[in-house]
């Protein structure tokens, strides 16, 4: 049994109200016992009343006198209530062991856990795949844009080069044409200077002549491809061509000479 001095503070404080009640009850019992004793002694010490006698001719029938009631014995003092015993400390509740799980339920839970983990892993893999595909698409889009930009730049460079080449060729062709025109004008002037056109030729007859020229300007052949309306003018031009040989053509090794191997010239009378 736990001693009073060893009782926990909580139990000792809990026992204080019961102790006070016990003390009050003991005082009340002692007061009641004291009153019983006082009233009992006072009742027994009362004086005996005087006796009165009556004279009768005949004695009345005897009456059975009632025996006096004995004095009530004093009530025994109620036993003092024992002070309440301190309540024994409540035993600590034992930990209730959880029921053992059902193997089938545990197996199902483990399977569901694995399925959830697998689904989560699959979801993460799909998200990673989508992210990789998006990244690759963006990289491809960027590469395509860069490639397209490079191709556009290359195309522009090629176009610029082509235009520059065309301009160069045009300039060269213009220069060549200018040189060709200069040589043709020189040939035409020499032929017209050697052609003795009769004064009888009037109007503006025009003749086209094909001249085959050898390197150095020698005339190989003359063909009138388009006659004028005046045969005398055509004959005068043909005589002037033969008389003007060799013609003033470019050097045989130059780029312009091939333009004069087969030369077409037109002559128009302007008198």
Protein backbone atom coordinates (compact mmCIF):
# COMPACT_ATOMS: atom_id res chain seq x y z
CA UNK A 1 0.00 0.00 0.00
CA UNK A 2 1.25 3.45 -0.78
CA UNK A 3 2.08 5.57 2.34
CA UNK A 4 0.41 8.91 2.81
CA UNK A 5 3.68 10.69 2.67
CA UNK A 6 4.47 8.90 -0.60
CA UNK A 7 1.18 9.68 -2.24
CA UNK A 8 1.41 11.64 -5.41
CA UNK A 9 0.71 15.33 -5.14
CA UNK A 10 -2.46 14.92 -7.15
CA UNK A 11 -3.91 12.27 -4.81
CA UNK A 12 -2.99 14.22 -1.67
CA UNK A 13 -4.76 17.28 -2.95
CA UNK A 14 -7.78 15.14 -3.92
CA UNK A 15 -7.99 13.72 -0.35
CA UNK A 16 -8.29 17.15 1.38
CA UNK A 17 -12.08 17.64 0.81
CA UNK A 18 -12.89 14.15 2.27
CA UNK A 19 -10.79 14.81 5.34
CA UNK A 20 -12.64 18.03 6.14
CA UNK A 21 -16.00 16.26 5.82
CA UNK A 22 -14.77 13.55 8.19
CA UNK A 23 -13.75 16.11 10.82
CA UNK A 24 -17.12 17.93 10.61
CA UNK A 25 -19.02 14.63 10.89
CA UNK A 26 -16.98 13.63 13.97
CA UNK A 27 -17.74 16.96 15.69
CA UNK A 28 -21.47 16.57 14.99
CA UNK A 29 -21.49 13.03 16.37
CA UNK A 30 -19.73 14.11 19.55
CA UNK A 31 -22.18 16.98 20.01
CA UNK A 32 -25.18 14.66 19.61
CA UNK A 33 -23.71 12.17 22.08
CA UNK A 34 -23.09 14.93 24.59
CA UNK A 35 -26.70 16.16 24.26
CA UNK A 36 -28.08 12.66 24.82
CA UNK A 37 -26.10 12.29 28.03
CA UNK A 38 -27.18 15.70 29.34
CA UNK A 39 -30.87 15.18 28.60
CA UNK A 40 -30.82 11.61 30.00
CA UNK A 41 -29.35 12.66 33.35
CA UNK A 42 -31.78 15.59 33.62
CA UNK A 43 -34.74 13.27 33.04
CA UNK A 44 -33.63 10.76 35.70
CA UNK A 45 -33.06 13.49 38.37
CA UNK A 46 -36.62 14.87 38.30
CA UNK A 47 -38.39 14.95 41.88
CA UNK A 48 -41.14 12.38 42.63
CA UNK A 49 -44.62 14.01 42.57
CA UNK A 50 -46.75 13.95 45.86
CA UNK A 51 -49.07 10.99 46.51
CA UNK A 52 -52.77 11.70 46.88
CA UNK A 53 -55.13 9.20 48.67
CA UNK A 54 -58.85 8.84 48.19
CA UNK A 55 -61.18 7.12 50.65
CA UNK A 56 -63.57 4.65 49.15
CA UNK A 57 -66.40 2.62 50.78
CA UNK A 58 -65.55 -0.13 48.61
CA UNK A 59 -62.34 -0.70 47.04
CA UNK A 60 -62.51 -0.18 43.41
CA UNK A 61 -61.55 -3.00 41.29
CA UNK A 62 -57.91 -3.26 41.04
CA UNK A 63 -56.53 -1.82 37.99
CA UNK A 64 -53.64 -3.34 36.36
CA UNK A 65 -51.02 -0.77 36.51
CA UNK A 66 -48.82 -0.48 33.65
CA UNK A 67 -45.22 -1.07 34.39
CA UNK A 68 -43.24 2.06 33.97
CA UNK A 69 -41.30 2.16 30.86
CA UNK A 70 -37.67 1.73 31.46
CA UNK A 71 -35.53 4.60 30.56
CA UNK A 72 -34.14 4.41 27.15
CA UNK A 73 -30.56 3.41 27.26
CA UNK A 74 -28.22 5.95 25.87
CA UNK A 75 -27.61 5.54 22.27
CA UNK A 76 -24.24 4.13 21.55
CA UNK A 77 -21.82 6.57 20.09
CA UNK A 78 -21.60 5.97 16.42
CA UNK A 79 -18.23 4.77 15.39
CA UNK A 80 -15.92 7.45 14.20
CA UNK A 81 -15.59 7.36 10.52
CA UNK A 82 -12.22 6.30 9.46
CA UNK A 83 -10.36 8.88 7.50
CA UNK A 84 -10.62 8.14 3.84
CA UNK A 85 -7.83 6.15 2.57
CA UNK A 86 -5.87 7.73 -0.19
CA UNK A 87 -6.91 6.41 -3.51
CA UNK A 88 -4.38 4.11 -4.92
CA UNK A 89 -2.71 5.47 -7.98
CA UNK A 90 -4.49 4.53 -11.09
CA UNK A 91 -2.56 2.06 -13.10
CA UNK A 92 -1.27 3.43 -16.32
CA UNK A 93 -3.30 2.18 -19.22
CA UNK A 94 -1.54 -0.53 -21.02
CA UNK A 95 -0.76 0.14 -24.58
CA UNK A 96 -3.25 -1.69 -26.68
CA UNK A 97 -1.47 -3.64 -29.27
CA UNK A 98 -2.94 -2.92 -32.68
CA UNK A 99 -4.54 -5.86 -34.32
CA UNK A 100 -2.27 -7.68 -36.64
CA UNK A 101 -3.07 -6.81 -40.22
CA UNK A 102 -4.58 -9.36 -42.46
CA UNK A 103 -1.90 -10.71 -44.81
CA UNK A 104 -4.30 -10.43 -47.75
CA UNK A 105 -5.06 -6.79 -46.92
CA UNK A 106 -1.37 -6.07 -46.42
CA UNK A 107 -0.55 -7.76 -49.72
CA UNK A 108 -3.29 -5.77 -51.48
CA UNK A 109 -2.07 -2.52 -49.93
CA UNK A 110 1.51 -3.33 -50.97
CA UNK A 111 0.34 -4.14 -54.49
CA UNK A 112 -1.65 -0.90 -54.68
CA UNK A 113 1.37 1.01 -53.37
CA UNK A 114 3.57 -0.54 -56.06
CA UNK A 115 0.94 0.23 -58.71
CA UNK A 116 0.73 3.85 -57.55
CA UNK A 117 4.51 4.12 -57.55
CA UNK A 118 4.61 2.56 -61.00
CA UNK A 119 1.87 4.90 -62.26
CA UNK A 120 3.71 7.89 -60.76
CA UNK A 121 6.95 6.75 -62.36
CA UNK A 122 5.17 6.28 -65.68
CA UNK A 123 3.61 9.73 -65.37
CA UNK A 124 7.01 11.27 -64.62
CA UNK A 125 8.51 9.40 -67.57
CA UNK A 126 5.74 10.67 -69.86
CA UNK A 127 6.18 14.21 -68.58
CA UNK A 128 9.95 13.93 -69.10
CA UNK A 129 9.36 12.53 -72.58
CA UNK A 130 6.99 15.38 -73.42
CA UNK A 131 9.47 17.90 -72.04
CA UNK A 132 12.28 16.30 -74.08
CA UNK A 133 10.11 16.26 -77.19
CA UNK A 134 9.16 19.89 -76.62
CA UNK A 135 12.81 20.78 -76.10
CA UNK A 136 13.81 18.89 -79.25
CA UNK A 137 10.99 20.55 -81.18
CA UNK A 138 12.13 23.96 -79.98
CA UNK A 139 15.75 23.11 -80.84
CA UNK A 140 14.68 21.84 -84.26
CA UNK A 141 12.57 24.94 -84.78
CA UNK A 142 15.51 27.11 -83.80
CA UNK A 143 17.85 25.09 -86.03
CA UNK A 144 15.37 25.32 -88.91
CA UNK A 145 15.08 29.06 -88.36
CA UNK A 146 18.85 29.40 -88.30
CA UNK A 147 19.18 27.14 -91.33
CA UNK A 148 16.51 29.09 -93.16
CA UNK A 149 18.22 32.31 -92.19
CA UNK A 150 21.56 30.96 -93.40
CA UNK A 151 19.96 29.73 -96.62
CA UNK A 152 18.29 33.10 -97.12
CA UNK A 153 21.60 34.82 -96.51
CA UNK A 154 23.33 32.44 -98.91
CA UNK A 155 20.58 32.99 -101.47
CA UNK A 156 20.90 36.73 -101.07
CA UNK A 157 24.66 36.44 -101.44
CA UNK A 158 24.23 34.28 -104.53
CA UNK A 159 21.66 36.71 -105.91
CA UNK A 160 23.98 39.60 -105.20
CA UNK A 161 26.82 37.70 -106.86
CA UNK A 162 24.60 36.86 -109.82
CA UNK A 163 23.46 40.45 -110.15
CA UNK A 164 27.02 41.64 -109.84
CA UNK A 165 28.09 39.13 -112.49
CA UNK A 166 25.24 40.18 -114.70
CA UNK A 167 26.18 43.79 -114.22
CA UNK A 168 29.79 42.96 -114.97
CA UNK A 169 28.79 40.96 -118.02
CA UNK A 170 26.45 43.73 -119.08
CA UNK A 171 29.23 46.22 -118.67
CA UNK A 172 31.60 43.94 -120.55
CA UNK A 173 28.95 43.32 -123.20
CA UNK A 174 28.27 47.03 -123.40
CA UNK A 175 31.96 47.67 -123.74
CA UNK A 176 32.23 44.91 -126.34
CA UNK A 177 29.17 46.19 -128.17
CA UNK A 178 30.63 49.64 -128.09
CA UNK A 179 33.85 48.26 -129.56
CA UNK A 180 31.91 46.20 -132.10
CA UNK A 181 29.88 49.24 -133.09
CA UNK A 182 33.07 51.25 -133.37
CA UNK A 183 34.64 48.62 -135.65
CA UNK A 184 31.45 48.29 -137.72
CA UNK A 185 31.20 52.03 -138.17
CA UNK A 186 34.84 52.09 -139.24
CA UNK A 187 34.21 49.26 -141.74
CA UNK A 188 31.02 50.93 -143.06
CA UNK A 189 32.75 54.29 -143.46
CA UNK A 190 35.67 52.70 -145.32
CA UNK A 191 33.29 50.82 -147.65
CA UNK A 192 31.17 53.93 -148.28
CA UNK A 193 34.37 55.90 -148.93
CA UNK A 194 35.39 53.36 -151.60
CA UNK A 195 31.91 52.95 -153.15
CA UNK A 196 31.41 55.29 -156.07
CA UNK A 197 27.61 55.67 -155.91
CA UNK A 198 26.34 57.15 -159.24
CA UNK A 199 24.58 60.45 -159.14
CA UNK A 200 21.61 58.81 -160.76
CA UNK A 201 20.80 57.04 -157.45
CA UNK A 202 18.15 59.10 -155.76
CA UNK A 203 15.99 58.52 -152.72
CA UNK A 204 17.02 56.34 -149.75
CA UNK A 205 17.68 52.84 -151.04
CA UNK A 206 18.92 50.36 -148.36
CA UNK A 207 20.82 47.12 -148.91
CA UNK A 208 21.93 44.40 -146.41
CA UNK A 209 25.20 42.60 -147.15
CA UNK A 210 26.77 39.51 -145.58
CA UNK A 211 30.58 39.63 -145.58
CA UNK A 212 32.80 36.69 -144.68
CA UNK A 213 36.12 37.98 -143.34
CA UNK A 214 39.47 36.26 -142.83
CA UNK A 215 41.81 37.06 -139.92
CA UNK A 216 43.51 40.31 -140.75
CA UNK A 217 40.42 41.73 -142.48
CA UNK A 218 40.67 40.17 -145.94
CA UNK A 219 37.23 39.81 -147.58
CA UNK A 220 36.53 36.16 -148.46
CA UNK A 221 32.99 36.36 -149.79
CA UNK A 222 30.17 38.90 -150.31
CA UNK A 223 26.44 38.06 -150.36
CA UNK A 224 23.59 40.54 -150.69
CA UNK A 225 20.92 39.18 -148.28
CA UNK A 226 18.46 42.01 -148.92
CA UNK A 227 18.55 44.04 -152.14
CA UNK A 228 17.48 47.60 -152.34
CA UNK A 229 15.09 49.08 -154.91
CA UNK A 230 18.07 50.37 -156.92
CA UNK A 231 20.44 47.81 -158.46
CA UNK A 232 23.01 50.47 -159.26
CA UNK A 233 23.24 51.28 -155.52
CA UNK A 234 23.63 47.58 -154.65
CA UNK A 235 26.43 47.15 -157.22
CA UNK A 236 28.23 50.26 -155.96
CA UNK A 237 28.20 48.92 -152.37
CA UNK A 238 29.56 45.56 -153.48
CA UNK A 239 32.43 47.24 -155.41
CA UNK A 240 33.21 49.39 -152.37
CA UNK A 241 33.49 46.25 -150.13
CA UNK A 242 35.98 44.61 -152.41
CA UNK A 243 37.94 47.85 -152.80
CA UNK A 244 38.04 48.40 -148.99
CA UNK A 245 39.64 44.98 -148.31
CA UNK A 246 41.36 44.43 -145.92
CA UNK A 247 38.64 45.73 -143.62
CA UNK A 248 39.49 47.33 -140.22
CA UNK A 249 38.50 44.34 -138.00
CA UNK A 250 39.75 43.51 -134.47
CA UNK A 251 42.95 41.48 -134.09
CA UNK A 252 42.63 37.78 -134.86
CA UNK A 253 43.45 36.75 -131.24
CA UNK A 254 41.00 39.12 -129.57
CA UNK A 255 37.60 38.23 -128.12
CA UNK A 256 35.87 40.50 -130.60
CA UNK A 257 37.17 38.99 -133.84
CA UNK A 258 34.71 36.03 -133.87
CA UNK A 259 31.94 38.65 -134.14
CA UNK A 260 33.44 39.72 -137.50
CA UNK A 261 34.04 36.38 -139.22
CA UNK A 262 30.50 36.48 -140.55
CA UNK A 263 29.57 40.13 -140.65
CA UNK A 264 26.13 41.50 -141.58
CA UNK A 265 26.03 45.19 -142.52
CA UNK A 266 23.26 47.41 -143.83
CA UNK A 267 23.91 50.42 -146.04
CA UNK A 268 21.39 53.22 -146.57
CA UNK A 269 21.86 55.92 -149.18
CA UNK A 270 21.45 59.38 -147.70
CA UNK A 271 21.89 61.87 -150.54
